[in-house]
């Protein structure tokens, strides 16, 4: 095996690892967001865990964050939870950063 082949394999392994970490970070962010939103919606215990799972699953509807945002926004609107879109998006960004830190510390 040549040095070039070894470098190529190392790059591919690094890319695969980065993509796995990215997926894990977004999944954890969505779970954390679901738990945060569940509290705002007055859900506790198993109901909160089930809601967090529903938020996590909402992310598989389409690429990007809009499906998750719409899920939480719609649920807040239905229950009369007043929160600005910018605040919700900021919370999503905050929880993504927290998820990354948590994954790096594991």
PDB file of N, CA and C in Angstrom:
ATOM      1  N   UNK A   1       0.846  -1.169   0.000  1.00  0.00           N
ATOM      2  CA  UNK A   1       0.000   0.000   0.000  1.00  0.00           C
ATOM      3  C   UNK A   1       0.893   1.234   0.000  1.00  0.00           C
ATOM      4  N   UNK A   2       0.568   2.183  -0.841  1.00  0.00           N
ATOM      5  CA  UNK A   2       1.379   3.391  -0.947  1.00  0.00           C
ATOM      6  C   UNK A   2       0.978   4.401   0.123  1.00  0.00           C
ATOM      7  N   UNK A   3       1.828   5.375   0.322  1.00  0.00           N
ATOM      8  CA  UNK A   3       1.546   6.440   1.283  1.00  0.00           C
ATOM      9  C   UNK A   3       0.280   7.182   0.883  1.00  0.00           C
ATOM     10  N   UNK A   4       0.093   7.363  -0.414  1.00  0.00           N
ATOM     11  CA  UNK A   4      -1.112   8.038  -0.898  1.00  0.00           C
ATOM     12  C   UNK A   4      -2.362   7.253  -0.511  1.00  0.00           C
ATOM     13  N   UNK A   5      -2.327   5.944  -0.679  1.00  0.00           N
ATOM     14  CA  UNK A   5      -3.470   5.098  -0.305  1.00  0.00           C
ATOM     15  C   UNK A   5      -3.745   5.184   1.192  1.00  0.00           C
ATOM     16  N   UNK A   6      -2.683   5.198   1.978  1.00  0.00           N
ATOM     17  CA  UNK A   6      -2.854   5.297   3.432  1.00  0.00           C
ATOM     18  C   UNK A   6      -3.466   6.641   3.813  1.00  0.00           C
ATOM     19  N   UNK A   7      -3.007   7.693   3.175  1.00  0.00           N
ATOM     20  CA  UNK A   7      -3.560   9.023   3.450  1.00  0.00           C
ATOM     21  C   UNK A   7      -5.025   9.078   3.034  1.00  0.00           C
ATOM     22  N   UNK A   8      -5.339   8.469   1.902  1.00  0.00           N
ATOM     23  CA  UNK A   8      -6.725   8.455   1.429  1.00  0.00           C
ATOM     24  C   UNK A   8      -7.619   7.703   2.415  1.00  0.00           C
ATOM     25  N   UNK A   9      -7.167   6.562   2.893  1.00  0.00           N
ATOM     26  CA  UNK A   9      -7.945   5.782   3.854  1.00  0.00           C
ATOM     27  C   UNK A   9      -8.117   6.550   5.165  1.00  0.00           C
ATOM     28  N   UNK A  10      -7.066   7.226   5.594  1.00  0.00           N
ATOM     29  CA  UNK A  10      -7.146   8.012   6.830  1.00  0.00           C
ATOM     30  C   UNK A  10      -8.144   9.156   6.672  1.00  0.00           C
ATOM     31  N   UNK A  11      -8.126   9.800   5.508  1.00  0.00           N
ATOM     32  CA  UNK A  11      -9.059  10.894   5.246  1.00  0.00           C
ATOM     33  C   UNK A  11     -10.499  10.375   5.230  1.00  0.00           C
ATOM     34  N   UNK A  12     -10.710   9.239   4.587  1.00  0.00           N
ATOM     35  CA  UNK A  12     -12.050   8.649   4.539  1.00  0.00           C
ATOM     36  C   UNK A  12     -12.532   8.265   5.934  1.00  0.00           C
ATOM     37  N   UNK A  13     -11.648   7.724   6.756  1.00  0.00           N
ATOM     38  CA  UNK A  13     -12.010   7.355   8.128  1.00  0.00           C
ATOM     39  C   UNK A  13     -12.342   8.595   8.948  1.00  0.00           C
ATOM     40  N   UNK A  14     -11.575   9.664   8.753  1.00  0.00           N
ATOM     41  CA  UNK A  14     -11.830  10.906   9.466  1.00  0.00           C
ATOM     42  C   UNK A  14     -13.179  11.499   9.034  1.00  0.00           C
ATOM     43  N   UNK A  15     -13.454  11.455   7.749  1.00  0.00           N
ATOM     44  CA  UNK A  15     -14.728  11.972   7.236  1.00  0.00           C
ATOM     45  C   UNK A  15     -15.898  11.173   7.815  1.00  0.00           C
ATOM     46  N   UNK A  16     -15.776   9.859   7.826  1.00  0.00           N
ATOM     47  CA  UNK A  16     -16.840   9.002   8.376  1.00  0.00           C
ATOM     48  C   UNK A  16     -17.051   9.301   9.856  1.00  0.00           C
ATOM     49  N   UNK A  17     -15.971   9.468  10.596  1.00  0.00           N
ATOM     50  CA  UNK A  17     -16.073   9.789  12.019  1.00  0.00           C
ATOM     51  C   UNK A  17     -16.755  11.142  12.214  1.00  0.00           C
ATOM     52  N   UNK A  18     -16.364  12.132  11.433  1.00  0.00           N
ATOM     53  CA  UNK A  18     -16.960  13.465  11.545  1.00  0.00           C
ATOM     54  C   UNK A  18     -18.453  13.437  11.243  1.00  0.00           C
ATOM     55  N   UNK A  19     -18.842  12.679  10.237  1.00  0.00           N
ATOM     56  CA  UNK A  19     -20.268  12.583   9.890  1.00  0.00           C
ATOM     57  C   UNK A  19     -21.061  11.878  10.988  1.00  0.00           C
ATOM     58  N   UNK A  20     -20.465  10.857  11.576  1.00  0.00           N
ATOM     59  CA  UNK A  20     -21.112  10.156  12.684  1.00  0.00           C
ATOM     60  C   UNK A  20     -21.278  11.093  13.874  1.00  0.00           C
ATOM     61  N   UNK A  21     -20.250  11.857  14.181  1.00  0.00           N
ATOM     62  CA  UNK A  21     -20.329  12.808  15.294  1.00  0.00           C
ATOM     63  C   UNK A  21     -21.364  13.895  15.014  1.00  0.00           C
ATOM     64  N   UNK A  22     -21.430  14.347  13.775  1.00  0.00           N
ATOM     65  CA  UNK A  22     -22.409  15.372  13.399  1.00  0.00           C
ATOM     66  C   UNK A  22     -23.832  14.833  13.581  1.00  0.00           C
ATOM     67  N   UNK A  23     -24.068  13.619  13.096  1.00  0.00           N
ATOM     68  CA  UNK A  23     -25.378  12.994  13.254  1.00  0.00           C
ATOM     69  C   UNK A  23     -25.724  12.850  14.733  1.00  0.00           C
ATOM     70  N   UNK A  24     -24.773  12.373  15.514  1.00  0.00           N
ATOM     71  CA  UNK A  24     -24.990  12.175  16.949  1.00  0.00           C
ATOM     72  C   UNK A  24     -25.272  13.495  17.657  1.00  0.00           C
ATOM     73  N   UNK A  25     -24.567  14.556  17.264  1.00  0.00           N
ATOM     74  CA  UNK A  25     -24.771  15.863  17.889  1.00  0.00           C
ATOM     75  C   UNK A  25     -26.169  16.390  17.600  1.00  0.00           C
ATOM     76  N   UNK A  26     -26.618  16.265  16.359  1.00  0.00           N
ATOM     77  CA  UNK A  26     -27.962  16.750  16.017  1.00  0.00           C
ATOM     78  C   UNK A  26     -29.041  15.894  16.689  1.00  0.00           C
ATOM     79  N   UNK A  27     -28.822  14.606  16.772  1.00  0.00           N
ATOM     80  CA  UNK A  27     -29.792  13.743  17.444  1.00  0.00           C
ATOM     81  C   UNK A  27     -29.885  14.105  18.920  1.00  0.00           C
ATOM     82  N   UNK A  28     -28.733  14.324  19.544  1.00  0.00           N
ATOM     83  CA  UNK A  28     -28.747  14.695  20.961  1.00  0.00           C
ATOM     84  C   UNK A  28     -29.375  16.070  21.145  1.00  0.00           C
ATOM     85  N   UNK A  29     -29.057  17.006  20.247  1.00  0.00           N
ATOM     86  CA  UNK A  29     -29.668  18.334  20.320  1.00  0.00           C
ATOM     87  C   UNK A  29     -31.188  18.223  20.245  1.00  0.00           C
ATOM     88  N   UNK A  30     -31.673  17.390  19.352  1.00  0.00           N
ATOM     89  CA  UNK A  30     -33.115  17.244  19.190  1.00  0.00           C
ATOM     90  C   UNK A  30     -33.759  16.643  20.435  1.00  0.00           C
ATOM     91  N   UNK A  31     -33.093  15.697  21.063  1.00  0.00           N
ATOM     92  CA  UNK A  31     -33.613  15.117  22.299  1.00  0.00           C
ATOM     93  C   UNK A  31     -33.635  16.159  23.409  1.00  0.00           C
ATOM     94  N   UNK A  32     -32.541  16.924  23.531  1.00  0.00           N
ATOM     95  CA  UNK A  32     -32.484  17.988  24.533  1.00  0.00           C
ATOM     96  C   UNK A  32     -33.550  19.050  24.270  1.00  0.00           C
ATOM     97  N   UNK A  33     -33.732  19.390  23.000  1.00  0.00           N
ATOM     98  CA  UNK A  33     -34.765  20.362  22.626  1.00  0.00           C
ATOM     99  C   UNK A  33     -36.136  19.824  22.986  1.00  0.00           C
ATOM    100  N   UNK A  34     -36.362  18.550  22.719  1.00  0.00           N
ATOM    101  CA  UNK A  34     -37.635  17.934  23.050  1.00  0.00           C
ATOM    102  C   UNK A  34     -37.912  17.965  24.546  1.00  0.00           C
ATOM    103  N   UNK A  35     -36.893  17.714  25.350  1.00  0.00           N
ATOM    104  CA  UNK A  35     -37.075  17.760  26.805  1.00  0.00           C
ATOM    105  C   UNK A  35     -37.336  19.189  27.279  1.00  0.00           C
ATOM    106  N   UNK A  36     -36.632  20.138  26.697  1.00  0.00           N
ATOM    107  CA  UNK A  36     -36.846  21.546  27.031  1.00  0.00           C
ATOM    108  C   UNK A  36     -38.259  21.977  26.644  1.00  0.00           C
ATOM    109  N   UNK A  37     -38.667  21.623  25.430  1.00  0.00           N
ATOM    110  CA  UNK A  37     -40.004  21.990  24.957  1.00  0.00           C
ATOM    111  C   UNK A  37     -41.078  21.278  25.765  1.00  0.00           C
ATOM    112  N   UNK A  38     -40.827  20.034  26.133  1.00  0.00           N
ATOM    113  CA  UNK A  38     -41.800  19.280  26.932  1.00  0.00           C
ATOM    114  C   UNK A  38     -42.069  19.995  28.249  1.00  0.00           C
ATOM    115  N   UNK A  39     -41.026  20.516  28.854  1.00  0.00           N
ATOM    116  CA  UNK A  39     -41.205  21.257  30.109  1.00  0.00           C
ATOM    117  C   UNK A  39     -42.073  22.494  29.881  1.00  0.00           C
ATOM    118  N   UNK A  40     -41.801  23.212  28.795  1.00  0.00           N
ATOM    119  CA  UNK A  40     -42.598  24.404  28.470  1.00  0.00           C
ATOM    120  C   UNK A  40     -44.050  24.036  28.185  1.00  0.00           C
ATOM    121  N   UNK A  41     -44.263  22.828  27.685  1.00  0.00           N
ATOM    122  CA  UNK A  41     -45.616  22.356  27.372  1.00  0.00           C
ATOM    123  C   UNK A  41     -46.300  21.712  28.583  1.00  0.00           C
ATOM    124  N   UNK A  42     -45.592  21.643  29.707  1.00  0.00           N
ATOM    125  CA  UNK A  42     -46.176  21.076  30.916  1.00  0.00           C
ATOM    126  C   UNK A  42     -46.136  19.562  30.967  1.00  0.00           C
ATOM    127  N   UNK A  43     -45.263  18.954  30.187  1.00  0.00           N
ATOM    128  CA  UNK A  43     -45.137  17.490  30.185  1.00  0.00           C
ATOM    129  C   UNK A  43     -44.032  17.078  31.156  1.00  0.00           C
ATOM    130  N   UNK A  44     -44.237  15.950  31.814  1.00  0.00           N
ATOM    131  CA  UNK A  44     -43.264  15.460  32.787  1.00  0.00           C
ATOM    132  C   UNK A  44     -43.119  13.953  32.650  1.00  0.00           C
ATOM    133  N   UNK A  45     -42.024  13.444  33.179  1.00  0.00           N
ATOM    134  CA  UNK A  45     -41.811  11.997  33.227  1.00  0.00           C
ATOM    135  C   UNK A  45     -41.837  11.335  31.870  1.00  0.00           C
ATOM    136  N   UNK A  46     -42.625  10.272  31.770  1.00  0.00           N
ATOM    137  CA  UNK A  46     -42.699   9.504  30.526  1.00  0.00           C
ATOM    138  C   UNK A  46     -43.276  10.323  29.378  1.00  0.00           C
ATOM    139  N   UNK A  47     -44.191  11.239  29.684  1.00  0.00           N
ATOM    140  CA  UNK A  47     -44.738  12.100  28.631  1.00  0.00           C
ATOM    141  C   UNK A  47     -43.655  12.988  28.032  1.00  0.00           C
ATOM    142  N   UNK A  48     -42.781  13.494  28.893  1.00  0.00           N
ATOM    143  CA  UNK A  48     -41.683  14.339  28.418  1.00  0.00           C
ATOM    144  C   UNK A  48     -40.718  13.523  27.566  1.00  0.00           C
ATOM    145  N   UNK A  49     -40.408  12.300  27.996  1.00  0.00           N
ATOM    146  CA  UNK A  49     -39.508  11.433  27.231  1.00  0.00           C
ATOM    147  C   UNK A  49     -40.124  11.078  25.872  1.00  0.00           C
ATOM    148  N   UNK A  50     -41.422  10.798  25.862  1.00  0.00           N
ATOM    149  CA  UNK A  50     -42.104  10.472  24.602  1.00  0.00           C
ATOM    150  C   UNK A  50     -42.106  11.678  23.666  1.00  0.00           C
ATOM    151  N   UNK A  51     -42.294  12.863  24.225  1.00  0.00           N
ATOM    152  CA  UNK A  51     -42.278  14.068  23.387  1.00  0.00           C
ATOM    153  C   UNK A  51     -40.877  14.294  22.818  1.00  0.00           C
ATOM    154  N   UNK A  52     -39.849  14.099  23.641  1.00  0.00           N
ATOM    155  CA  UNK A  52     -38.476  14.255  23.164  1.00  0.00           C
ATOM    156  C   UNK A  52     -38.195  13.293  22.013  1.00  0.00           C
ATOM    157  N   UNK A  53     -38.712  12.082  22.111  1.00  0.00           N
ATOM    158  CA  UNK A  53     -38.538  11.108  21.027  1.00  0.00           C
ATOM    159  C   UNK A  53     -39.269  11.565  19.770  1.00  0.00           C
ATOM    160  N   UNK A  54     -40.453  12.153  19.933  1.00  0.00           N
ATOM    161  CA  UNK A  54     -41.210  12.659  18.777  1.00  0.00           C
ATOM    162  C   UNK A  54     -40.451  13.788  18.084  1.00  0.00           C
ATOM    163  N   UNK A  55     -39.798  14.643  18.861  1.00  0.00           N
ATOM    164  CA  UNK A  55     -38.992  15.722  18.269  1.00  0.00           C
ATOM    165  C   UNK A  55     -37.809  15.118  17.527  1.00  0.00           C
ATOM    166  N   UNK A  56     -37.179  14.142  18.129  1.00  0.00           N
ATOM    167  CA  UNK A  56     -36.057  13.458  17.481  1.00  0.00           C
ATOM    168  C   UNK A  56     -36.485  12.849  16.150  1.00  0.00           C
ATOM    169  N   UNK A  57     -37.629  12.193  16.132  1.00  0.00           N
ATOM    170  CA  UNK A  57     -38.116  11.553  14.903  1.00  0.00           C
ATOM    171  C   UNK A  57     -38.555  12.566  13.852  1.00  0.00           C
ATOM    172  N   UNK A  58     -38.969  13.745  14.293  1.00  0.00           N
ATOM    173  CA  UNK A  58     -39.389  14.786  13.345  1.00  0.00           C
ATOM    174  C   UNK A  58     -38.242  15.196  12.434  1.00  0.00           C
ATOM    175  N   UNK A  59     -37.017  15.008  12.892  1.00  0.00           N
ATOM    176  CA  UNK A  59     -35.853  15.415  12.100  1.00  0.00           C
ATOM    177  C   UNK A  59     -35.657  14.564  10.855  1.00  0.00           C
ATOM    178  N   UNK A  60     -36.342  13.456  10.756  1.00  0.00           N
ATOM    179  CA  UNK A  60     -36.174  12.579   9.601  1.00  0.00           C
ATOM    180  C   UNK A  60     -37.143  12.894   8.467  1.00  0.00           C
ATOM    181  N   UNK A  61     -37.952  13.942   8.618  1.00  0.00           N
ATOM    182  CA  UNK A  61     -38.916  14.309   7.584  1.00  0.00           C
ATOM    183  C   UNK A  61     -38.242  14.929   6.364  1.00  0.00           C
ATOM    184  N   UNK A  62     -37.211  15.739   6.592  1.00  0.00           N
ATOM    185  CA  UNK A  62     -36.500  16.411   5.503  1.00  0.00           C
ATOM    186  C   UNK A  62     -35.122  16.831   5.999  1.00  0.00           C
ATOM    187  N   UNK A  63     -34.199  17.091   5.088  1.00  0.00           N
ATOM    188  CA  UNK A  63     -32.872  17.551   5.512  1.00  0.00           C
ATOM    189  C   UNK A  63     -32.958  18.918   6.183  1.00  0.00           C
ATOM    190  N   UNK A  64     -32.067  19.163   7.124  1.00  0.00           N
ATOM    191  CA  UNK A  64     -32.010  20.458   7.791  1.00  0.00           C
ATOM    192  C   UNK A  64     -32.813  20.493   9.075  1.00  0.00           C
ATOM    193  N   UNK A  65     -32.897  21.673   9.646  1.00  0.00           N
ATOM    194  CA  UNK A  65     -33.536  21.867  10.943  1.00  0.00           C
ATOM    195  C   UNK A  65     -34.987  22.297  10.874  1.00  0.00           C
ATOM    196  N   UNK A  66     -35.472  22.639   9.702  1.00  0.00           N
ATOM    197  CA  UNK A  66     -36.818  23.212   9.611  1.00  0.00           C
ATOM    198  C   UNK A  66     -37.914  22.259  10.077  1.00  0.00           C
ATOM    199  N   UNK A  67     -37.751  20.977   9.845  1.00  0.00           N
ATOM    200  CA  UNK A  67     -38.767  20.022  10.292  1.00  0.00           C
ATOM    201  C   UNK A  67     -38.857  19.980  11.814  1.00  0.00           C
ATOM    202  N   UNK A  68     -37.738  20.050  12.478  1.00  0.00           N
ATOM    203  CA  UNK A  68     -37.720  20.069  13.940  1.00  0.00           C
ATOM    204  C   UNK A  68     -38.311  21.383  14.445  1.00  0.00           C
ATOM    205  N   UNK A  69     -37.873  22.483  13.835  1.00  0.00           N
ATOM    206  CA  UNK A  69     -38.399  23.791  14.225  1.00  0.00           C
ATOM    207  C   UNK A  69     -39.917  23.832  14.084  1.00  0.00           C
ATOM    208  N   UNK A  70     -40.430  23.364  12.936  1.00  0.00           N
ATOM    209  CA  UNK A  70     -41.887  23.380  12.701  1.00  0.00           C
ATOM    210  C   UNK A  70     -42.639  22.532  13.725  1.00  0.00           C
ATOM    211  N   UNK A  71     -42.090  21.382  14.066  1.00  0.00           N
ATOM    212  CA  UNK A  71     -42.737  20.501  15.046  1.00  0.00           C
ATOM    213  C   UNK A  71     -42.924  21.224  16.379  1.00  0.00           C
ATOM    214  N   UNK A  72     -41.836  21.771  16.888  1.00  0.00           N
ATOM    215  CA  UNK A  72     -41.899  22.439  18.189  1.00  0.00           C
ATOM    216  C   UNK A  72     -42.743  23.708  18.099  1.00  0.00           C
ATOM    217  N   UNK A  73     -42.570  24.477  17.024  1.00  0.00           N
ATOM    218  CA  UNK A  73     -43.343  25.711  16.845  1.00  0.00           C
ATOM    219  C   UNK A  73     -44.844  25.413  16.823  1.00  0.00           C
ATOM    220  N   UNK A  74     -45.226  24.387  16.062  1.00  0.00           N
ATOM    221  CA  UNK A  74     -46.637  24.005  15.948  1.00  0.00           C
ATOM    222  C   UNK A  74     -47.192  23.570  17.305  1.00  0.00           C
ATOM    223  N   UNK A  75     -46.419  22.776  18.035  1.00  0.00           N
ATOM    224  CA  UNK A  75     -46.876  22.311  19.340  1.00  0.00           C
ATOM    225  C   UNK A  75     -46.991  23.464  20.335  1.00  0.00           C
ATOM    226  N   UNK A  76     -46.051  24.391  20.291  1.00  0.00           N
ATOM    227  CA  UNK A  76     -46.143  25.578  21.150  1.00  0.00           C
ATOM    228  C   UNK A  76     -47.386  26.391  20.799  1.00  0.00           C
ATOM    229  N   UNK A  77     -47.616  26.574  19.500  1.00  0.00           N
ATOM    230  CA  UNK A  77     -48.786  27.357  19.074  1.00  0.00           C
ATOM    231  C   UNK A  77     -50.086  26.693  19.516  1.00  0.00           C
ATOM    232  N   UNK A  78     -50.167  25.369  19.379  1.00  0.00           N
ATOM    233  CA  UNK A  78     -51.383  24.647  19.774  1.00  0.00           C
ATOM    234  C   UNK A  78     -51.655  24.736  21.270  1.00  0.00           C
ATOM    235  N   UNK A  79     -50.604  24.782  22.064  1.00  0.00           N
ATOM    236  CA  UNK A  79     -50.764  24.833  23.521  1.00  0.00           C
ATOM    237  C   UNK A  79     -50.691  26.248  24.083  1.00  0.00           C
ATOM    238  N   UNK A  80     -50.530  27.245  23.219  1.00  0.00           N
ATOM    239  CA  UNK A  80     -50.495  28.636  23.667  1.00  0.00           C
ATOM    240  C   UNK A  80     -49.208  29.047  24.362  1.00  0.00           C
ATOM    241  N   UNK A  81     -48.111  28.351  24.062  1.00  0.00           N
ATOM    242  CA  UNK A  81     -46.815  28.724  24.632  1.00  0.00           C
ATOM    243  C   UNK A  81     -46.245  29.852  23.786  1.00  0.00           C
ATOM    244  N   UNK A  82     -46.105  30.997  24.400  1.00  0.00           N
ATOM    245  CA  UNK A  82     -45.630  32.178  23.672  1.00  0.00           C
ATOM    246  C   UNK A  82     -44.110  32.226  23.712  1.00  0.00           C
ATOM    247  N   UNK A  83     -43.515  32.052  22.558  1.00  0.00           N
ATOM    248  CA  UNK A  83     -42.069  32.141  22.420  1.00  0.00           C
ATOM    249  C   UNK A  83     -41.781  32.590  20.997  1.00  0.00           C
ATOM    250  N   UNK A  84     -40.886  33.531  20.859  1.00  0.00           N
ATOM    251  CA  UNK A  84     -40.542  34.070  19.541  1.00  0.00           C
ATOM    252  C   UNK A  84     -39.756  33.039  18.733  1.00  0.00           C
ATOM    253  N   UNK A  85     -39.924  33.101  17.425  1.00  0.00           N
ATOM    254  CA  UNK A  85     -39.173  32.199  16.545  1.00  0.00           C
ATOM    255  C   UNK A  85     -37.673  32.338  16.779  1.00  0.00           C
ATOM    256  N   UNK A  86     -37.208  33.579  16.929  1.00  0.00           N
ATOM    257  CA  UNK A  86     -35.775  33.815  17.136  1.00  0.00           C
ATOM    258  C   UNK A  86     -35.296  33.167  18.429  1.00  0.00           C
ATOM    259  N   UNK A  87     -36.124  33.182  19.446  1.00  0.00           N
ATOM    260  CA  UNK A  87     -35.769  32.557  20.720  1.00  0.00           C
ATOM    261  C   UNK A  87     -35.688  31.042  20.571  1.00  0.00           C
ATOM    262  N   UNK A  88     -36.625  30.474  19.844  1.00  0.00           N
ATOM    263  CA  UNK A  88     -36.614  29.032  19.607  1.00  0.00           C
ATOM    264  C   UNK A  88     -35.385  28.629  18.797  1.00  0.00           C
ATOM    265  N   UNK A  89     -35.073  29.391  17.776  1.00  0.00           N
ATOM    266  CA  UNK A  89     -33.880  29.079  16.968  1.00  0.00           C
ATOM    267  C   UNK A  89     -32.601  29.242  17.791  1.00  0.00           C
ATOM    268  N   UNK A  90     -32.560  30.259  18.637  1.00  0.00           N
ATOM    269  CA  UNK A  90     -31.392  30.456  19.501  1.00  0.00           C
ATOM    270  C   UNK A  90     -31.239  29.283  20.471  1.00  0.00           C
ATOM    271  N   UNK A  91     -32.354  28.783  20.989  1.00  0.00           N
ATOM    272  CA  UNK A  91     -32.314  27.627  21.893  1.00  0.00           C
ATOM    273  C   UNK A  91     -31.800  26.403  21.147  1.00  0.00           C
ATOM    274  N   UNK A  92     -32.216  26.238  19.899  1.00  0.00           N
ATOM    275  CA  UNK A  92     -31.731  25.117  19.093  1.00  0.00           C
ATOM    276  C   UNK A  92     -30.213  25.203  18.924  1.00  0.00           C
ATOM    277  N   UNK A  93     -29.700  26.401  18.661  1.00  0.00           N
ATOM    278  CA  UNK A  93     -28.259  26.589  18.491  1.00  0.00           C
ATOM    279  C   UNK A  93     -27.521  26.345  19.807  1.00  0.00           C
ATOM    280  N   UNK A  94     -28.077  26.850  20.891  1.00  0.00           N
ATOM    281  CA  UNK A  94     -27.479  26.662  22.211  1.00  0.00           C
ATOM    282  C   UNK A  94     -27.396  25.175  22.565  1.00  0.00           C
ATOM    283  N   UNK A  95     -28.472  24.450  22.303  1.00  0.00           N
ATOM    284  CA  UNK A  95     -28.500  23.027  22.640  1.00  0.00           C
ATOM    285  C   UNK A  95     -27.603  22.207  21.718  1.00  0.00           C
ATOM    286  N   UNK A  96     -27.404  22.656  20.480  1.00  0.00           N
ATOM    287  CA  UNK A  96     -26.462  21.965  19.595  1.00  0.00           C
ATOM    288  C   UNK A  96     -25.047  22.097  20.145  1.00  0.00           C
ATOM    289  N   UNK A  97     -24.691  23.297  20.586  1.00  0.00           N
ATOM    290  CA  UNK A  97     -23.365  23.495  21.179  1.00  0.00           C
ATOM    291  C   UNK A  97     -23.196  22.634  22.427  1.00  0.00           C
ATOM    292  N   UNK A  98     -24.234  22.553  23.248  1.00  0.00           N
ATOM    293  CA  UNK A  98     -24.177  21.712  24.451  1.00  0.00           C
ATOM    294  C   UNK A  98     -24.036  20.243  24.058  1.00  0.00           C
ATOM    295  N   UNK A  99     -24.747  19.812  23.048  1.00  0.00           N
ATOM    296  CA  UNK A  99     -24.666  18.416  22.607  1.00  0.00           C
ATOM    297  C   UNK A  99     -23.255  18.067  22.132  1.00  0.00           C
ATOM    298  N   UNK A 100     -22.629  18.979  21.422  1.00  0.00           N
ATOM    299  CA  UNK A 100     -21.257  18.757  20.936  1.00  0.00           C
ATOM    300  C   UNK A 100     -20.298  18.608  22.122  1.00  0.00           C
ATOM    301  N   UNK A 101     -20.442  19.489  23.094  1.00  0.00           N
ATOM    302  CA  UNK A 101     -19.586  19.409  24.289  1.00  0.00           C
ATOM    303  C   UNK A 101     -19.800  18.086  25.020  1.00  0.00           C
ATOM    304  N   UNK A 102     -21.064  17.709  25.184  1.00  0.00           N
ATOM    305  CA  UNK A 102     -21.363  16.450  25.870  1.00  0.00           C
ATOM    306  C   UNK A 102     -20.747  15.264  25.141  1.00  0.00           C
ATOM    307  N   UNK A 103     -20.844  15.239  23.822  1.00  0.00           N
ATOM    308  CA  UNK A 103     -20.280  14.122  23.051  1.00  0.00           C
ATOM    309  C   UNK A 103     -18.763  14.085  23.142  1.00  0.00           C
ATOM    310  N   UNK A 104     -18.138  15.253  23.122  1.00  0.00           N
ATOM    311  CA  UNK A 104     -16.680  15.288  23.221  1.00  0.00           C
ATOM    312  C   UNK A 104     -16.196  14.822  24.587  1.00  0.00           C
ATOM    313  N   UNK A 105     -17.022  15.033  25.602  1.00  0.00           N
ATOM    314  CA  UNK A 105     -16.643  14.648  26.969  1.00  0.00           C
ATOM    315  C   UNK A 105     -16.938  13.195  27.296  1.00  0.00           C
ATOM    316  N   UNK A 106     -17.585  12.489  26.399  1.00  0.00           N
ATOM    317  CA  UNK A 106     -17.909  11.074  26.660  1.00  0.00           C
ATOM    318  C   UNK A 106     -16.768  10.167  26.260  1.00  0.00           C
TER     319      UNK A 106
END
